[in-house]
Amino acid sequence: MDSETNETKKTGRGKGKAIWGWVQVILIAVILSMALRYFVISPVTVFGDSMYPTLHDGEHLFINKVTGPDRFDIIVFPAPDEKDTEYIKRVIGLPGDTVEYKQDQLYINGKKYDEPYLDSEKKDLTNGYLTTLNDGAQGNPNFSLATIPACGGATKVPKGKLFVLGDNRPISKDSRYIGFIDEDKVLGKVISFGKSLQK
């Protein structure tokens, strides 16, 4: 009878240890997932059409909070002109860059760059230009940083700043209107597991 009692006690303790082991695993998993979400990757939802056709209103994406932005990355940052709002735009100019547009052609530091993410929009354009300064397609298609009032006459992107544009150039509120973005205020760069960013 004593051996039966001992076995029952051992089995009871074994189950308690197993349950405590699972509780620890679950707690660690929850803590790691919260840390991952807070420090590494976060979900975001696109609101509005300023990044169309690359991103669509209501689209769900993730942002990488660890690595800094590179040229042509799509980033999320707090709107400098609207409280409790975040903007999603494409990085065009990095610190030290000169940025210029000549009739829809981008030049960075004097070098010509293609913008394949704008091809479908340019193809559908019936008159005027896609990337202009003021007044949509009828605005000035030839401009540089120095001619953008919101950039304060700077000839280069200042240290610690970024020049950003939305892909839907005629309607996007971007660095042409809100000026440079603080690099250290970038919340993250967009990563996608779908087809959005492959366009």
N, C-alpha and C. Protein backbone atom coordinates (compact mmCIF):
# COMPACT_ATOMS: atom_id res chain seq x y z
N MET A 1 0.82 -1.19 0.00
CA MET A 1 0.00 0.00 0.00
C MET A 1 0.87 1.26 0.00
N ASP A 2 1.97 1.22 0.75
CA ASP A 2 2.87 2.37 0.77
C ASP A 2 3.43 2.66 -0.62
N SER A 3 3.74 1.62 -1.39
CA SER A 3 4.29 1.83 -2.73
C SER A 3 3.25 2.47 -3.64
N GLU A 4 1.95 2.12 -3.47
CA GLU A 4 0.89 2.75 -4.27
C GLU A 4 0.79 4.23 -3.94
N THR A 5 0.86 4.58 -2.66
CA THR A 5 0.78 5.97 -2.24
C THR A 5 1.95 6.77 -2.80
N ASN A 6 3.15 6.19 -2.74
CA ASN A 6 4.33 6.87 -3.27
C ASN A 6 4.20 7.11 -4.77
N GLU A 7 3.68 6.10 -5.49
CA GLU A 7 3.51 6.26 -6.93
C GLU A 7 2.49 7.36 -7.24
N THR A 8 1.42 7.42 -6.48
CA THR A 8 0.41 8.45 -6.67
C THR A 8 1.00 9.82 -6.42
N LYS A 9 1.80 9.97 -5.38
CA LYS A 9 2.43 11.25 -5.08
C LYS A 9 3.38 11.64 -6.20
N LYS A 10 4.17 10.68 -6.71
CA LYS A 10 5.12 10.97 -7.78
C LYS A 10 4.37 11.39 -9.05
N THR A 11 3.29 10.69 -9.37
CA THR A 11 2.51 11.02 -10.57
C THR A 11 1.91 12.40 -10.42
N GLY A 12 1.39 12.73 -9.28
CA GLY A 12 0.81 14.06 -9.03
C GLY A 12 1.85 15.15 -9.18
N ARG A 13 3.04 14.94 -8.63
CA ARG A 13 4.12 15.91 -8.76
C ARG A 13 4.59 16.01 -10.20
N GLY A 14 4.60 14.92 -10.91
CA GLY A 14 5.01 14.89 -12.32
C GLY A 14 4.07 15.72 -13.18
N LYS A 15 2.76 15.59 -12.90
CA LYS A 15 1.79 16.38 -13.66
C LYS A 15 1.95 17.87 -13.35
N GLY A 16 2.18 18.19 -12.09
CA GLY A 16 2.37 19.59 -11.69
C GLY A 16 3.59 20.20 -12.37
N LYS A 17 4.69 19.42 -12.43
CA LYS A 17 5.89 19.91 -13.11
C LYS A 17 5.65 20.10 -14.60
N ALA A 18 4.91 19.18 -15.20
CA ALA A 18 4.60 19.28 -16.63
C ALA A 18 3.76 20.52 -16.92
N ILE A 19 2.76 20.76 -16.08
CA ILE A 19 1.90 21.93 -16.27
C ILE A 19 2.72 23.20 -16.09
N TRP A 20 3.54 23.26 -15.04
CA TRP A 20 4.39 24.43 -14.81
C TRP A 20 5.35 24.63 -15.97
N GLY A 21 5.87 23.55 -16.53
CA GLY A 21 6.75 23.64 -17.69
C GLY A 21 6.04 24.27 -18.89
N TRP A 22 4.79 23.85 -19.14
CA TRP A 22 4.00 24.43 -20.23
C TRP A 22 3.66 25.90 -19.98
N VAL A 23 3.35 26.23 -18.74
CA VAL A 23 3.06 27.62 -18.39
C VAL A 23 4.29 28.49 -18.68
N GLN A 24 5.48 28.00 -18.33
CA GLN A 24 6.71 28.75 -18.60
C GLN A 24 6.92 28.95 -20.10
N VAL A 25 6.70 27.89 -20.88
CA VAL A 25 6.87 27.97 -22.33
C VAL A 25 5.91 29.00 -22.92
N ILE A 26 4.66 28.96 -22.48
CA ILE A 26 3.65 29.89 -22.99
C ILE A 26 4.00 31.32 -22.60
N LEU A 27 4.42 31.54 -21.35
CA LEU A 27 4.82 32.88 -20.90
C LEU A 27 6.00 33.41 -21.71
N ILE A 28 6.98 32.58 -21.94
CA ILE A 28 8.15 33.00 -22.72
C ILE A 28 7.72 33.34 -24.15
N ALA A 29 6.84 32.52 -24.73
CA ALA A 29 6.37 32.79 -26.09
C ALA A 29 5.61 34.11 -26.16
N VAL A 30 4.77 34.39 -25.18
CA VAL A 30 4.01 35.64 -25.16
C VAL A 30 4.96 36.83 -25.02
N ILE A 31 5.92 36.73 -24.12
CA ILE A 31 6.89 37.82 -23.91
C ILE A 31 7.72 38.06 -25.18
N LEU A 32 8.17 36.98 -25.81
CA LEU A 32 8.96 37.13 -27.04
C LEU A 32 8.13 37.74 -28.17
N SER A 33 6.88 37.31 -28.30
CA SER A 33 6.04 37.86 -29.37
C SER A 33 5.75 39.35 -29.13
N MET A 34 5.55 39.73 -27.87
CA MET A 34 5.32 41.15 -27.56
C MET A 34 6.59 41.96 -27.84
N ALA A 35 7.74 41.43 -27.47
CA ALA A 35 9.00 42.12 -27.73
C ALA A 35 9.25 42.24 -29.23
N LEU A 36 8.97 41.17 -29.96
CA LEU A 36 9.13 41.18 -31.41
C LEU A 36 8.25 42.26 -32.03
N ARG A 37 6.99 42.32 -31.60
CA ARG A 37 6.05 43.30 -32.15
C ARG A 37 6.45 44.72 -31.78
N TYR A 38 6.90 44.93 -30.57
CA TYR A 38 7.22 46.28 -30.13
C TYR A 38 8.56 46.78 -30.67
N PHE A 39 9.56 45.91 -30.74
CA PHE A 39 10.91 46.34 -31.10
C PHE A 39 11.35 45.98 -32.52
N VAL A 40 10.74 44.97 -33.15
CA VAL A 40 11.27 44.48 -34.42
C VAL A 40 10.29 44.68 -35.59
N ILE A 41 9.09 44.15 -35.48
CA ILE A 41 8.12 44.19 -36.56
C ILE A 41 6.76 44.59 -36.01
N SER A 42 6.06 45.48 -36.74
CA SER A 42 4.71 45.88 -36.35
C SER A 42 3.80 45.87 -37.57
N PRO A 43 2.53 45.57 -37.36
CA PRO A 43 1.59 45.66 -38.47
C PRO A 43 1.14 47.10 -38.69
N VAL A 44 0.87 47.46 -39.93
CA VAL A 44 0.32 48.77 -40.27
C VAL A 44 -0.77 48.58 -41.32
N THR A 45 -1.66 49.52 -41.38
CA THR A 45 -2.71 49.52 -42.40
C THR A 45 -2.60 50.81 -43.19
N VAL A 46 -2.68 50.70 -44.50
CA VAL A 46 -2.60 51.86 -45.38
C VAL A 46 -3.96 52.55 -45.38
N PHE A 47 -3.96 53.86 -45.12
CA PHE A 47 -5.17 54.67 -45.21
C PHE A 47 -4.93 55.75 -46.25
N GLY A 48 -5.76 55.78 -47.27
CA GLY A 48 -5.63 56.79 -48.31
C GLY A 48 -4.95 56.24 -49.56
N ASP A 49 -4.83 57.11 -50.55
CA ASP A 49 -4.33 56.70 -51.87
C ASP A 49 -3.00 57.34 -52.26
N SER A 50 -2.27 57.92 -51.32
CA SER A 50 -1.05 58.63 -51.69
C SER A 50 0.06 57.72 -52.18
N MET A 51 -0.05 56.41 -51.93
CA MET A 51 0.97 55.47 -52.41
C MET A 51 0.45 54.57 -53.54
N TYR A 52 -0.74 54.89 -54.06
CA TYR A 52 -1.29 54.12 -55.17
C TYR A 52 -0.44 54.36 -56.41
N PRO A 53 -0.15 53.42 -57.25
CA PRO A 53 -0.69 52.06 -57.32
C PRO A 53 0.12 51.02 -56.56
N THR A 54 1.21 51.42 -55.91
CA THR A 54 2.04 50.44 -55.19
C THR A 54 1.30 49.86 -54.00
N LEU A 55 0.69 50.73 -53.20
CA LEU A 55 -0.08 50.30 -52.03
C LEU A 55 -1.51 50.80 -52.18
N HIS A 56 -2.44 50.05 -51.62
CA HIS A 56 -3.85 50.37 -51.77
C HIS A 56 -4.48 50.69 -50.42
N ASP A 57 -5.47 51.56 -50.44
CA ASP A 57 -6.21 51.93 -49.24
C ASP A 57 -6.75 50.66 -48.58
N GLY A 58 -6.49 50.51 -47.28
CA GLY A 58 -6.97 49.34 -46.53
C GLY A 58 -6.02 48.17 -46.54
N GLU A 59 -4.92 48.26 -47.27
CA GLU A 59 -3.96 47.16 -47.35
C GLU A 59 -3.21 47.01 -46.02
N HIS A 60 -2.98 45.77 -45.61
CA HIS A 60 -2.28 45.47 -44.36
C HIS A 60 -0.84 45.06 -44.67
N LEU A 61 0.09 45.69 -43.97
CA LEU A 61 1.52 45.44 -44.18
C LEU A 61 2.23 45.33 -42.84
N PHE A 62 3.53 45.10 -42.90
CA PHE A 62 4.36 45.10 -41.71
C PHE A 62 5.48 46.11 -41.90
N ILE A 63 5.93 46.70 -40.78
CA ILE A 63 7.11 47.55 -40.84
C ILE A 63 8.23 46.93 -40.03
N ASN A 64 9.43 47.05 -40.57
CA ASN A 64 10.65 46.59 -39.91
C ASN A 64 11.19 47.78 -39.12
N LYS A 65 11.29 47.61 -37.80
CA LYS A 65 11.73 48.70 -36.94
C LYS A 65 13.23 48.68 -36.65
N VAL A 66 13.94 47.69 -37.19
CA VAL A 66 15.34 47.51 -36.82
C VAL A 66 16.29 48.21 -37.78
N THR A 67 16.11 48.01 -39.08
CA THR A 67 17.06 48.57 -40.03
C THR A 67 16.58 49.94 -40.51
N GLY A 68 17.54 50.80 -40.77
CA GLY A 68 17.22 52.15 -41.24
C GLY A 68 16.83 52.14 -42.71
N PRO A 69 16.20 53.23 -43.15
CA PRO A 69 15.74 53.27 -44.53
C PRO A 69 16.86 53.51 -45.54
N ASP A 70 16.69 52.93 -46.71
CA ASP A 70 17.57 53.15 -47.85
C ASP A 70 16.77 53.87 -48.93
N ARG A 71 17.46 54.32 -49.95
CA ARG A 71 16.79 54.99 -51.05
C ARG A 71 15.75 54.08 -51.67
N PHE A 72 14.58 54.61 -51.91
CA PHE A 72 13.42 53.96 -52.53
C PHE A 72 12.66 53.02 -51.59
N ASP A 73 13.09 52.90 -50.34
CA ASP A 73 12.30 52.15 -49.36
C ASP A 73 11.02 52.93 -49.07
N ILE A 74 9.98 52.20 -48.70
CA ILE A 74 8.74 52.84 -48.27
C ILE A 74 8.75 52.85 -46.75
N ILE A 75 8.52 54.01 -46.16
CA ILE A 75 8.64 54.17 -44.71
C ILE A 75 7.34 54.70 -44.10
N VAL A 76 7.22 54.52 -42.80
CA VAL A 76 6.12 55.07 -42.02
C VAL A 76 6.72 56.02 -40.99
N PHE A 77 6.11 57.20 -40.84
CA PHE A 77 6.61 58.19 -39.89
C PHE A 77 5.45 59.04 -39.39
N PRO A 78 5.60 59.66 -38.22
CA PRO A 78 4.53 60.52 -37.71
C PRO A 78 4.36 61.74 -38.63
N ALA A 79 3.13 62.05 -38.95
CA ALA A 79 2.86 63.23 -39.79
C ALA A 79 3.29 64.48 -39.06
N PRO A 80 4.15 65.29 -39.67
CA PRO A 80 4.60 66.51 -38.98
C PRO A 80 3.53 67.59 -38.91
N ASP A 81 2.47 67.44 -39.69
CA ASP A 81 1.45 68.49 -39.75
C ASP A 81 0.07 68.05 -39.25
N GLU A 82 -0.04 66.79 -38.80
CA GLU A 82 -1.32 66.30 -38.30
C GLU A 82 -1.08 65.44 -37.06
N LYS A 83 -1.67 65.83 -35.95
CA LYS A 83 -1.50 65.11 -34.69
C LYS A 83 -2.12 63.71 -34.78
N ASP A 84 -1.47 62.75 -34.17
CA ASP A 84 -1.95 61.36 -34.09
C ASP A 84 -2.19 60.73 -35.46
N THR A 85 -1.39 61.12 -36.45
CA THR A 85 -1.50 60.57 -37.79
C THR A 85 -0.12 60.12 -38.24
N GLU A 86 -0.09 59.07 -39.03
CA GLU A 86 1.17 58.59 -39.60
C GLU A 86 1.07 58.63 -41.11
N TYR A 87 2.18 58.96 -41.75
CA TYR A 87 2.25 58.97 -43.21
C TYR A 87 3.09 57.78 -43.68
N ILE A 88 2.79 57.34 -44.88
CA ILE A 88 3.57 56.28 -45.52
C ILE A 88 4.02 56.82 -46.87
N LYS A 89 5.34 56.90 -47.08
CA LYS A 89 5.91 57.51 -48.29
C LYS A 89 7.17 56.75 -48.71
N ARG A 90 7.67 57.10 -49.89
CA ARG A 90 8.88 56.47 -50.43
C ARG A 90 10.07 57.42 -50.23
N VAL A 91 11.18 56.87 -49.76
CA VAL A 91 12.41 57.67 -49.58
C VAL A 91 13.03 57.91 -50.96
N ILE A 92 13.21 59.18 -51.29
CA ILE A 92 13.86 59.55 -52.55
C ILE A 92 15.27 60.09 -52.27
N GLY A 93 15.38 61.01 -51.33
CA GLY A 93 16.67 61.62 -51.03
C GLY A 93 17.16 61.28 -49.63
N LEU A 94 18.42 60.89 -49.54
CA LEU A 94 19.09 60.60 -48.26
C LEU A 94 19.94 61.80 -47.87
N PRO A 95 20.41 61.85 -46.62
CA PRO A 95 21.24 62.99 -46.20
C PRO A 95 22.43 63.21 -47.15
N GLY A 96 22.60 64.47 -47.54
CA GLY A 96 23.70 64.83 -48.44
C GLY A 96 23.35 64.79 -49.92
N ASP A 97 22.18 64.24 -50.27
CA ASP A 97 21.77 64.13 -51.67
C ASP A 97 21.24 65.45 -52.22
N THR A 98 21.46 65.67 -53.51
CA THR A 98 20.72 66.67 -54.25
C THR A 98 19.61 65.91 -54.98
N VAL A 99 18.44 66.52 -55.08
CA VAL A 99 17.30 65.88 -55.75
C VAL A 99 16.73 66.89 -56.74
N GLU A 100 16.50 66.41 -57.96
CA GLU A 100 15.96 67.28 -59.00
C GLU A 100 15.06 66.48 -59.92
N TYR A 101 13.99 67.10 -60.38
CA TYR A 101 13.11 66.50 -61.38
C TYR A 101 13.11 67.38 -62.62
N LYS A 102 13.25 66.74 -63.78
CA LYS A 102 13.15 67.44 -65.06
C LYS A 102 12.16 66.65 -65.91
N GLN A 103 10.96 67.19 -66.04
CA GLN A 103 9.90 66.58 -66.85
C GLN A 103 9.73 65.08 -66.55
N ASP A 104 9.44 64.81 -65.30
CA ASP A 104 9.19 63.45 -64.78
C ASP A 104 10.42 62.56 -64.69
N GLN A 105 11.60 63.12 -64.90
CA GLN A 105 12.82 62.32 -64.77
C GLN A 105 13.53 62.72 -63.48
N LEU A 106 13.80 61.73 -62.64
CA LEU A 106 14.48 61.95 -61.36
C LEU A 106 15.99 61.95 -61.53
N TYR A 107 16.63 62.94 -60.90
CA TYR A 107 18.09 63.00 -60.83
C TYR A 107 18.49 63.13 -59.37
N ILE A 108 19.35 62.25 -58.92
CA ILE A 108 19.89 62.32 -57.56
C ILE A 108 21.39 62.47 -57.67
N ASN A 109 21.91 63.54 -57.09
CA ASN A 109 23.34 63.86 -57.18
C ASN A 109 23.79 63.89 -58.64
N GLY A 110 22.91 64.40 -59.52
CA GLY A 110 23.22 64.54 -60.94
C GLY A 110 23.06 63.26 -61.76
N LYS A 111 22.78 62.15 -61.09
CA LYS A 111 22.64 60.86 -61.79
C LYS A 111 21.17 60.57 -62.05
N LYS A 112 20.86 60.13 -63.26
CA LYS A 112 19.51 59.81 -63.68
C LYS A 112 19.06 58.48 -63.04
N TYR A 113 17.85 58.49 -62.46
CA TYR A 113 17.29 57.28 -61.84
C TYR A 113 15.92 56.97 -62.44
N ASP A 114 15.70 55.72 -62.74
CA ASP A 114 14.37 55.28 -63.17
C ASP A 114 13.51 55.04 -61.95
N GLU A 115 12.21 55.21 -62.11
CA GLU A 115 11.24 54.94 -61.06
C GLU A 115 10.18 53.97 -61.60
N PRO A 116 10.52 52.68 -61.69
CA PRO A 116 9.62 51.71 -62.31
C PRO A 116 8.26 51.59 -61.61
N TYR A 117 8.19 51.95 -60.35
CA TYR A 117 6.93 51.90 -59.60
C TYR A 117 5.94 52.96 -60.10
N LEU A 118 6.39 53.89 -60.95
CA LEU A 118 5.51 54.92 -61.51
C LEU A 118 5.12 54.64 -62.96
N ASP A 119 5.64 53.57 -63.54
CA ASP A 119 5.43 53.30 -64.96
C ASP A 119 3.95 53.27 -65.37
N SER A 120 3.12 52.58 -64.61
CA SER A 120 1.71 52.46 -65.00
C SER A 120 1.01 53.82 -64.92
N GLU A 121 1.37 54.62 -63.93
CA GLU A 121 0.77 55.94 -63.80
C GLU A 121 1.21 56.86 -64.94
N LYS A 122 2.48 56.80 -65.31
CA LYS A 122 2.97 57.63 -66.41
C LYS A 122 2.30 57.22 -67.72
N LYS A 123 2.10 55.94 -67.90
CA LYS A 123 1.48 55.42 -69.12
C LYS A 123 0.04 55.92 -69.26
N ASP A 124 -0.67 56.01 -68.13
CA ASP A 124 -2.07 56.44 -68.14
C ASP A 124 -2.26 57.96 -68.19
N LEU A 125 -1.17 58.69 -68.05
CA LEU A 125 -1.24 60.16 -68.05
C LEU A 125 -1.57 60.67 -69.45
N THR A 126 -2.63 61.46 -69.56
CA THR A 126 -3.04 61.96 -70.88
C THR A 126 -2.37 63.27 -71.25
N ASN A 127 -2.09 64.11 -70.27
CA ASN A 127 -1.35 65.35 -70.54
C ASN A 127 -0.63 65.79 -69.28
N GLY A 128 0.34 66.64 -69.46
CA GLY A 128 1.09 67.14 -68.31
C GLY A 128 2.12 66.12 -67.83
N TYR A 129 2.50 66.27 -66.55
CA TYR A 129 3.53 65.43 -65.97
C TYR A 129 3.04 64.86 -64.65
N LEU A 130 3.59 63.74 -64.25
CA LEU A 130 3.18 63.09 -63.02
C LEU A 130 3.78 63.79 -61.80
N THR A 131 5.08 64.04 -61.84
CA THR A 131 5.77 64.65 -60.70
C THR A 131 6.00 66.13 -60.97
N THR A 132 5.25 66.96 -60.26
CA THR A 132 5.37 68.40 -60.44
C THR A 132 5.41 69.07 -59.07
N LEU A 133 5.73 70.33 -59.11
CA LEU A 133 5.69 71.14 -57.89
C LEU A 133 4.47 72.04 -57.99
N ASN A 134 3.48 71.80 -57.13
CA ASN A 134 2.22 72.57 -57.08
C ASN A 134 1.27 72.24 -58.23
N ASP A 135 0.00 72.28 -57.92
CA ASP A 135 -1.08 72.19 -58.91
C ASP A 135 -1.11 70.91 -59.76
N GLY A 136 -0.79 69.76 -59.19
CA GLY A 136 -0.94 68.50 -59.91
C GLY A 136 -0.21 68.47 -61.24
N ALA A 137 -0.84 67.90 -62.26
CA ALA A 137 -0.21 67.69 -63.56
C ALA A 137 0.14 69.00 -64.26
N GLN A 138 -0.51 70.09 -63.88
CA GLN A 138 -0.25 71.38 -64.53
C GLN A 138 0.83 72.18 -63.80
N GLY A 139 1.39 71.64 -62.74
CA GLY A 139 2.43 72.34 -61.99
C GLY A 139 3.76 72.35 -62.71
N ASN A 140 4.77 72.82 -62.03
CA ASN A 140 6.10 72.92 -62.61
C ASN A 140 6.78 71.55 -62.62
N PRO A 141 7.09 70.99 -63.81
CA PRO A 141 7.73 69.68 -63.88
C PRO A 141 9.24 69.74 -63.69
N ASN A 142 9.78 70.94 -63.58
CA ASN A 142 11.22 71.11 -63.40
C ASN A 142 11.47 71.80 -62.06
N PHE A 143 11.96 71.02 -61.11
CA PHE A 143 12.22 71.61 -59.79
C PHE A 143 13.34 70.86 -59.09
N SER A 144 13.94 71.54 -58.13
CA SER A 144 14.99 70.95 -57.29
C SER A 144 14.65 71.27 -55.84
N LEU A 145 15.42 70.73 -54.92
CA LEU A 145 15.17 71.00 -53.50
C LEU A 145 15.13 72.50 -53.23
N ALA A 146 16.05 73.24 -53.83
CA ALA A 146 16.16 74.68 -53.57
C ALA A 146 14.91 75.45 -53.98
N THR A 147 14.12 74.91 -54.92
CA THR A 147 12.92 75.62 -55.38
C THR A 147 11.65 75.18 -54.66
N ILE A 148 11.78 74.27 -53.71
CA ILE A 148 10.62 73.79 -52.94
C ILE A 148 10.52 74.63 -51.67
N PRO A 149 9.50 75.47 -51.54
CA PRO A 149 9.39 76.34 -50.35
C PRO A 149 9.44 75.56 -49.03
N ALA A 150 8.82 74.39 -48.97
CA ALA A 150 8.79 73.61 -47.72
C ALA A 150 10.17 73.10 -47.31
N CYS A 151 11.12 73.09 -48.25
CA CYS A 151 12.48 72.63 -47.93
C CYS A 151 13.41 73.79 -47.55
N GLY A 152 12.84 74.98 -47.47
CA GLY A 152 13.59 76.12 -46.92
C GLY A 152 14.80 76.56 -47.72
N GLY A 153 14.85 76.29 -49.02
CA GLY A 153 15.97 76.73 -49.84
C GLY A 153 17.20 75.83 -49.77
N ALA A 154 17.11 74.70 -49.09
CA ALA A 154 18.26 73.78 -49.00
C ALA A 154 18.60 73.24 -50.39
N THR A 155 19.88 73.11 -50.66
CA THR A 155 20.30 72.54 -51.94
C THR A 155 20.56 71.04 -51.83
N LYS A 156 20.76 70.58 -50.60
CA LYS A 156 20.97 69.15 -50.34
C LYS A 156 20.09 68.73 -49.19
N VAL A 157 19.80 67.44 -49.13
CA VAL A 157 19.05 66.91 -47.99
C VAL A 157 19.95 67.06 -46.76
N PRO A 158 19.49 67.76 -45.73
CA PRO A 158 20.33 67.97 -44.54
C PRO A 158 20.64 66.67 -43.79
N LYS A 159 21.68 66.73 -43.00
CA LYS A 159 22.07 65.60 -42.16
C LYS A 159 20.90 65.24 -41.23
N GLY A 160 20.61 63.95 -41.12
CA GLY A 160 19.55 63.48 -40.25
C GLY A 160 18.15 63.64 -40.82
N LYS A 161 18.06 64.01 -42.10
CA LYS A 161 16.75 64.23 -42.73
C LYS A 161 16.59 63.32 -43.95
N LEU A 162 15.34 63.20 -44.42
CA LEU A 162 15.01 62.44 -45.62
C LEU A 162 14.06 63.26 -46.48
N PHE A 163 14.17 63.08 -47.79
CA PHE A 163 13.22 63.67 -48.73
C PHE A 163 12.34 62.53 -49.23
N VAL A 164 11.03 62.65 -49.02
CA VAL A 164 10.11 61.54 -49.34
C VAL A 164 9.01 62.02 -50.29
N LEU A 165 8.53 61.09 -51.12
CA LEU A 165 7.42 61.36 -52.02
C LEU A 165 6.46 60.19 -51.99
N GLY A 166 5.18 60.47 -52.21
CA GLY A 166 4.20 59.41 -52.39
C GLY A 166 4.21 58.97 -53.84
N ASP A 167 3.85 57.73 -54.11
CA ASP A 167 3.84 57.24 -55.48
C ASP A 167 2.70 57.83 -56.30
N ASN A 168 1.63 58.24 -55.65
CA ASN A 168 0.52 58.90 -56.35
C ASN A 168 0.81 60.40 -56.33
N ARG A 169 1.75 60.80 -57.15
CA ARG A 169 2.33 62.15 -57.10
C ARG A 169 1.31 63.29 -57.18
N PRO A 170 0.26 63.19 -58.01
CA PRO A 170 -0.66 64.33 -58.09
C PRO A 170 -1.40 64.64 -56.79
N ILE A 171 -1.60 63.64 -55.91
CA ILE A 171 -2.39 63.91 -54.70
C ILE A 171 -1.60 63.76 -53.40
N SER A 172 -0.37 63.30 -53.48
CA SER A 172 0.39 63.00 -52.26
C SER A 172 0.86 64.25 -51.53
N LYS A 173 0.62 64.27 -50.22
CA LYS A 173 1.17 65.32 -49.37
C LYS A 173 2.51 64.77 -48.87
N ASP A 174 3.59 65.28 -49.41
CA ASP A 174 4.91 64.73 -49.13
C ASP A 174 5.93 65.85 -48.94
N SER A 175 7.21 65.57 -49.12
CA SER A 175 8.25 66.58 -48.86
C SER A 175 8.12 67.83 -49.72
N ARG A 176 7.38 67.75 -50.81
CA ARG A 176 7.14 68.95 -51.62
C ARG A 176 6.29 69.95 -50.84
N TYR A 177 5.53 69.45 -49.85
CA TYR A 177 4.60 70.30 -49.11
C TYR A 177 4.88 70.35 -47.61
N ILE A 178 5.47 69.29 -47.06
CA ILE A 178 5.74 69.25 -45.61
C ILE A 178 7.22 69.32 -45.28
N GLY A 179 8.06 69.40 -46.30
CA GLY A 179 9.51 69.50 -46.08
C GLY A 179 10.17 68.17 -45.77
N PHE A 180 11.37 68.26 -45.24
CA PHE A 180 12.16 67.06 -44.94
C PHE A 180 11.57 66.33 -43.73
N ILE A 181 11.84 65.05 -43.67
CA ILE A 181 11.40 64.20 -42.56
C ILE A 181 12.61 63.88 -41.68
N ASP A 182 12.43 63.92 -40.38
CA ASP A 182 13.53 63.56 -39.46
C ASP A 182 13.78 62.06 -39.54
N GLU A 183 15.01 61.70 -39.86
CA GLU A 183 15.39 60.29 -39.99
C GLU A 183 15.14 59.51 -38.70
N ASP A 184 15.40 60.15 -37.56
CA ASP A 184 15.24 59.45 -36.28
C ASP A 184 13.78 59.30 -35.84
N LYS A 185 12.86 59.90 -36.59
CA LYS A 185 11.44 59.75 -36.26
C LYS A 185 10.75 58.69 -37.12
N VAL A 186 11.51 58.08 -38.03
CA VAL A 186 10.94 57.03 -38.87
C VAL A 186 10.56 55.85 -37.98
N LEU A 187 9.32 55.41 -38.09
CA LEU A 187 8.84 54.30 -37.27
C LEU A 187 9.29 52.96 -37.81
N GLY A 188 9.51 52.87 -39.10
CA GLY A 188 9.98 51.64 -39.71
C GLY A 188 9.82 51.68 -41.20
N LYS A 189 10.46 50.71 -41.85
CA LYS A 189 10.30 50.61 -43.29
C LYS A 189 9.40 49.43 -43.61
N VAL A 190 8.61 49.60 -44.64
CA VAL A 190 7.60 48.61 -44.99
C VAL A 190 8.25 47.35 -45.54
N ILE A 191 7.79 46.22 -45.01
CA ILE A 191 8.14 44.92 -45.58
C ILE A 191 6.82 44.25 -45.93
N SER A 192 6.85 43.42 -46.91
CA SER A 192 5.61 42.78 -47.34
C SER A 192 5.88 41.34 -47.69
N PHE A 193 4.92 40.50 -47.41
CA PHE A 193 5.04 39.10 -47.77
C PHE A 193 4.14 38.78 -48.96
N GLY A 194 3.51 39.83 -49.50
CA GLY A 194 2.61 39.65 -50.64
C GLY A 194 3.24 40.23 -51.90
N LYS A 195 2.39 40.63 -52.83
CA LYS A 195 2.84 41.12 -54.12
C LYS A 195 2.96 42.64 -54.17
N SER A 196 2.49 43.35 -53.16
CA SER A 196 2.43 44.81 -53.20
C SER A 196 3.74 45.46 -53.63
N LEU A 197 4.82 45.11 -52.93
CA LEU A 197 6.08 45.82 -53.15
C LEU A 197 6.87 45.24 -54.31
N GLN A 198 6.33 44.24 -54.99
CA GLN A 198 7.02 43.67 -56.13
C GLN A 198 6.64 44.37 -57.42
N LYS A 199 5.77 45.36 -57.34
CA LYS A 199 5.31 46.07 -58.55
C LYS A 199 6.38 46.99 -59.06
